[in-house]
C-alpha atoms as a PDB file:
ATOM      1  CA  MET A   1      -8.583   7.132  -6.779  1.00  0.00           C
ATOM      2  CA  GLN A   2      -8.126   7.491  -3.017  1.00  0.00           C
ATOM      3  CA  PRO A   3      -5.708   4.948  -1.460  1.00  0.00           C
ATOM      4  CA  THR A   4      -7.178   2.481   1.013  1.00  0.00           C
ATOM      5  CA  VAL A   5      -6.120   2.446   4.658  1.00  0.00           C
ATOM      6  CA  ASN A   6      -3.784  -0.492   3.994  1.00  0.00           C
ATOM      7  CA  GLN A   7      -2.247   1.271   1.008  1.00  0.00           C
ATOM      8  CA  GLN A   8      -1.731   4.375   3.140  1.00  0.00           C
ATOM      9  CA  HIS A   9       0.031   2.288   5.813  1.00  0.00           C
ATOM     10  CA  VAL A  10       2.324   0.684   3.219  1.00  0.00           C
ATOM     11  CA  LEU A  11       3.106   4.008   1.543  1.00  0.00           C
ATOM     12  CA  SER A  12       3.812   5.725   4.846  1.00  0.00           C
ATOM     13  CA  THR A  13       6.106   2.913   5.956  1.00  0.00           C
ATOM     14  CA  LEU A  14       8.019   3.063   2.681  1.00  0.00           C
ATOM     15  CA  GLN A  15       8.383   6.832   2.923  1.00  0.00           C
ATOM     16  CA  GLN A  16       9.764   6.583   6.470  1.00  0.00           C
ATOM     17  CA  ALA A  17      12.285   3.843   5.625  1.00  0.00           C
ATOM     18  CA  ASP A  18      15.959   4.715   5.346  1.00  0.00           C
ATOM     19  CA  ASN A  19      16.487   2.128   2.605  1.00  0.00           C
ATOM     20  CA  LEU A  20      14.620  -0.272   0.351  1.00  0.00           C
ATOM     21  CA  LEU A  21      12.319  -2.780   2.049  1.00  0.00           C
ATOM     22  CA  SER A  22      11.211  -6.195   0.888  1.00  0.00           C
ATOM     23  CA  ALA A  23       7.573  -7.184   1.193  1.00  0.00           C
ATOM     24  CA  TYR A  24       8.469  -9.312   4.220  1.00  0.00           C
ATOM     25  CA  ALA A  25      10.328  -6.426   5.871  1.00  0.00           C
ATOM     26  CA  LEU A  26       7.238  -4.294   5.258  1.00  0.00           C
ATOM     27  CA  LEU A  27       5.080  -7.021   6.756  1.00  0.00           C
ATOM     28  CA  ASP A  28       7.211  -7.079   9.909  1.00  0.00           C
ATOM     29  CA  ARG A  29       6.803  -3.320  10.287  1.00  0.00           C
ATOM     30  CA  LEU A  30       3.063  -3.395   9.542  1.00  0.00           C
ATOM     31  CA  ARG A  31       1.910  -6.196  11.853  1.00  0.00           C
ATOM     32  CA  GLU A  32       0.705  -3.669  14.441  1.00  0.00           C
ATOM     33  CA  GLN A  33      -1.580  -2.155  11.791  1.00  0.00           C
ATOM     34  CA  GLY A  34      -3.287  -5.497  11.254  1.00  0.00           C
ATOM     35  CA  PHE A  35      -1.225  -7.023   8.450  1.00  0.00           C
ATOM     36  CA  SER A  36      -0.794 -10.730   9.054  1.00  0.00           C
ATOM     37  CA  ALA A  37       0.145 -12.155   5.648  1.00  0.00           C
ATOM     38  CA  PRO A  38       2.400 -11.058   2.800  1.00  0.00           C
ATOM     39  CA  SER A  39      -0.531 -11.124   0.379  1.00  0.00           C
ATOM     40  CA  GLY A  40      -1.919  -7.936   1.954  1.00  0.00           C
ATOM     41  CA  VAL A  41       1.411  -6.185   1.452  1.00  0.00           C
ATOM     42  CA  TYR A  42       1.724  -7.426  -2.136  1.00  0.00           C
ATOM     43  CA  ARG A  43      -1.851  -6.368  -2.889  1.00  0.00           C
ATOM     44  CA  ALA A  44      -1.270  -2.856  -1.524  1.00  0.00           C
ATOM     45  CA  LEU A  45       2.028  -2.539  -3.414  1.00  0.00           C
ATOM     46  CA  GLY A  46       0.384  -3.674  -6.625  1.00  0.00           C
ATOM     47  CA  ARG A  47      -2.407  -1.132  -6.321  1.00  0.00           C
ATOM     48  CA  LEU A  48       0.036   1.650  -5.445  1.00  0.00           C
ATOM     49  CA  ALA A  49       2.110   0.744  -8.504  1.00  0.00           C
ATOM     50  CA  GLY A  50      -0.993   0.890 -10.686  1.00  0.00           C
ATOM     51  CA  TYR A  51      -1.506  -2.819 -11.367  1.00  0.00           C
END
């Protein structure tokens, strides 16, 4: 299954990070891509993890 745009943003941000990031740290980095609530980050992480 092809990742959604949001999933691609989350994955790219994680790959570029120098260390582990919490969902809220991801949210801070992804606000410019339209993320405004942690639920979007958690949803993308869940789908990327296969849940």
